[in-house]
Amino acid sequence: MPRKRHTAEQIIGLLRQSEVALALGRTVGEICRALGVSEASFYRRRSEYGGLKVDHARRLKDLERENAPLKRAVGELTLDKLILKEAAEGNF
């Protein structure tokens, strides 16, 4: 069975539904079965998206997408710096 990929908006909606169900006295296991996710996924998503609103989640994803190339650039520059330092010391 293929995995479902939920968007941040869908996850926040499901978490809101689960909060209502928890307030009504349902257990986490029942809620997870109704939502079609594992308990581990439920807890992970709740810790990541728990207090967020939809617009905040979109902004978070935009920032993550923006930071990814920057992280790669820093990694490459750090590697280049180490290579040049080794070459300057003559340890090659």
C-alpha atoms as a PDB file:
ATOM      1  CA  MET A   1       0.000   0.000   0.000  1.00  0.00           C
ATOM      2  CA  PRO A   2       1.528   3.358  -0.999  1.00  0.00           C
ATOM      3  CA  ARG A   3       2.184   5.982   1.623  1.00  0.00           C
ATOM      4  CA  LYS A   4      -0.011   9.048   1.764  1.00  0.00           C
ATOM      5  CA  ARG A   5       1.682  12.397   1.851  1.00  0.00           C
ATOM      6  CA  HIS A   6      -0.380  14.910   3.753  1.00  0.00           C
ATOM      7  CA  THR A   7       0.171  18.619   3.319  1.00  0.00           C
ATOM      8  CA  ALA A   8       0.785  20.841   6.323  1.00  0.00           C
ATOM      9  CA  GLU A   9      -2.751  22.187   6.012  1.00  0.00           C
ATOM     10  CA  GLN A  10      -4.214  18.686   6.064  1.00  0.00           C
ATOM     11  CA  ILE A  11      -2.100  17.701   9.062  1.00  0.00           C
ATOM     12  CA  ILE A  12      -3.223  20.757  11.018  1.00  0.00           C
ATOM     13  CA  GLY A  13      -6.848  19.972  10.180  1.00  0.00           C
ATOM     14  CA  LEU A  14      -6.439  16.376  11.331  1.00  0.00           C
ATOM     15  CA  LEU A  15      -4.787  17.527  14.546  1.00  0.00           C
ATOM     16  CA  ARG A  16      -7.712  19.862  15.227  1.00  0.00           C
ATOM     17  CA  GLN A  17     -10.110  16.942  14.696  1.00  0.00           C
ATOM     18  CA  SER A  18      -8.058  14.819  17.055  1.00  0.00           C
ATOM     19  CA  GLU A  19      -8.108  17.534  19.736  1.00  0.00           C
ATOM     20  CA  VAL A  20     -11.896  17.564  19.596  1.00  0.00           C
ATOM     21  CA  ALA A  21     -12.029  13.774  19.784  1.00  0.00           C
ATOM     22  CA  LEU A  22      -9.638  13.741  22.750  1.00  0.00           C
ATOM     23  CA  ALA A  23     -11.838  16.293  24.513  1.00  0.00           C
ATOM     24  CA  LEU A  24     -14.809  13.986  23.963  1.00  0.00           C
ATOM     25  CA  GLY A  25     -12.946  11.178  25.732  1.00  0.00           C
ATOM     26  CA  ARG A  26     -11.706   9.028  22.849  1.00  0.00           C
ATOM     27  CA  THR A  27      -8.332   7.357  23.174  1.00  0.00           C
ATOM     28  CA  VAL A  28      -5.314   8.152  21.013  1.00  0.00           C
ATOM     29  CA  GLY A  29      -5.427   4.658  19.501  1.00  0.00           C
ATOM     30  CA  GLU A  30      -9.024   5.114  18.367  1.00  0.00           C
ATOM     31  CA  ILE A  31      -8.233   8.507  16.902  1.00  0.00           C
ATOM     32  CA  CYS A  32      -5.210   7.177  15.026  1.00  0.00           C
ATOM     33  CA  ARG A  33      -7.238   4.351  13.532  1.00  0.00           C
ATOM     34  CA  ALA A  34      -9.938   6.807  12.443  1.00  0.00           C
ATOM     35  CA  LEU A  35      -7.368   9.133  10.862  1.00  0.00           C
ATOM     36  CA  GLY A  36      -5.416   6.282   9.271  1.00  0.00           C
ATOM     37  CA  VAL A  37      -2.059   7.113  10.832  1.00  0.00           C
ATOM     38  CA  SER A  38       0.186   5.343  13.296  1.00  0.00           C
ATOM     39  CA  GLU A  39       0.519   6.579  16.846  1.00  0.00           C
ATOM     40  CA  ALA A  40       4.161   7.455  16.208  1.00  0.00           C
ATOM     41  CA  SER A  41       3.167   9.636  13.254  1.00  0.00           C
ATOM     42  CA  PHE A  42       0.421  11.230  15.314  1.00  0.00           C
ATOM     43  CA  TYR A  43       2.772  12.183  18.142  1.00  0.00           C
ATOM     44  CA  ARG A  44       5.506  13.358  15.746  1.00  0.00           C
ATOM     45  CA  ARG A  45       3.076  15.534  13.817  1.00  0.00           C
ATOM     46  CA  ARG A  46       1.557  16.870  17.013  1.00  0.00           C
ATOM     47  CA  SER A  47       4.981  17.920  18.280  1.00  0.00           C
ATOM     48  CA  GLU A  48       5.860  19.532  14.944  1.00  0.00           C
ATOM     49  CA  TYR A  49       2.547  21.173  14.014  1.00  0.00           C
ATOM     50  CA  GLY A  50       0.734  21.227  17.363  1.00  0.00           C
ATOM     51  CA  GLY A  51       0.344  24.937  18.005  1.00  0.00           C
ATOM     52  CA  LEU A  52       0.624  26.157  14.436  1.00  0.00           C
ATOM     53  CA  LYS A  53      -2.045  27.734  12.322  1.00  0.00           C
ATOM     54  CA  VAL A  54      -2.211  27.123   8.589  1.00  0.00           C
ATOM     55  CA  ASP A  55      -0.508  30.381   7.609  1.00  0.00           C
ATOM     56  CA  HIS A  56       2.312  29.744  10.084  1.00  0.00           C
ATOM     57  CA  ALA A  57       2.828  26.251   8.671  1.00  0.00           C
ATOM     58  CA  ARG A  58       3.064  27.632   5.142  1.00  0.00           C
ATOM     59  CA  ARG A  59       5.613  30.201   6.284  1.00  0.00           C
ATOM     60  CA  LEU A  60       7.621  27.485   8.050  1.00  0.00           C
ATOM     61  CA  LYS A  61       7.752  25.360   4.892  1.00  0.00           C
ATOM     62  CA  ASP A  62       8.765  28.387   2.804  1.00  0.00           C
ATOM     63  CA  LEU A  63      11.601  29.163   5.192  1.00  0.00           C
ATOM     64  CA  GLU A  64      12.771  25.531   5.194  1.00  0.00           C
ATOM     65  CA  ARG A  65      12.768  25.533   1.398  1.00  0.00           C
ATOM     66  CA  GLU A  66      14.715  28.801   1.386  1.00  0.00           C
ATOM     67  CA  ASN A  67      17.275  27.544   3.921  1.00  0.00           C
ATOM     68  CA  ALA A  68      18.053  24.248   2.165  1.00  0.00           C
ATOM     69  CA  PRO A  69      20.305  25.752  -0.564  1.00  0.00           C
ATOM     70  CA  LEU A  70      21.966  27.960   2.015  1.00  0.00           C
ATOM     71  CA  LYS A  71      22.834  24.953   4.176  1.00  0.00           C
ATOM     72  CA  ARG A  72      24.288  23.163   1.157  1.00  0.00           C
ATOM     73  CA  ALA A  73      26.373  26.232   0.289  1.00  0.00           C
ATOM     74  CA  VAL A  74      27.739  26.479   3.830  1.00  0.00           C
ATOM     75  CA  GLY A  75      28.626  22.785   3.776  1.00  0.00           C
ATOM     76  CA  GLU A  76      30.443  23.096   0.471  1.00  0.00           C
ATOM     77  CA  LEU A  77      32.333  26.194   1.585  1.00  0.00           C
ATOM     78  CA  THR A  78      33.356  24.504   4.825  1.00  0.00           C
ATOM     79  CA  LEU A  79      34.679  21.532   2.884  1.00  0.00           C
ATOM     80  CA  ASP A  80      36.573  23.830   0.492  1.00  0.00           C
ATOM     81  CA  LYS A  81      38.073  25.680   3.455  1.00  0.00           C
ATOM     82  CA  LEU A  82      39.292  22.433   5.032  1.00  0.00           C
ATOM     83  CA  ILE A  83      40.820  21.281   1.754  1.00  0.00           C
ATOM     84  CA  LEU A  84      42.651  24.597   1.281  1.00  0.00           C
ATOM     85  CA  LYS A  85      43.868  24.544   4.879  1.00  0.00           C
ATOM     86  CA  GLU A  86      45.272  21.038   4.439  1.00  0.00           C
ATOM     87  CA  ALA A  87      46.950  22.021   1.180  1.00  0.00           C
ATOM     88  CA  ALA A  88      48.508  25.099   2.780  1.00  0.00           C
ATOM     89  CA  GLU A  89      49.949  23.012   5.614  1.00  0.00           C
ATOM     90  CA  GLY A  90      51.362  20.498   3.134  1.00  0.00           C
ATOM     91  CA  ASN A  91      49.493  17.471   4.566  1.00  0.00           C
ATOM     92  CA  PHE A  92      48.432  15.948   1.304  1.00  0.00           C
END
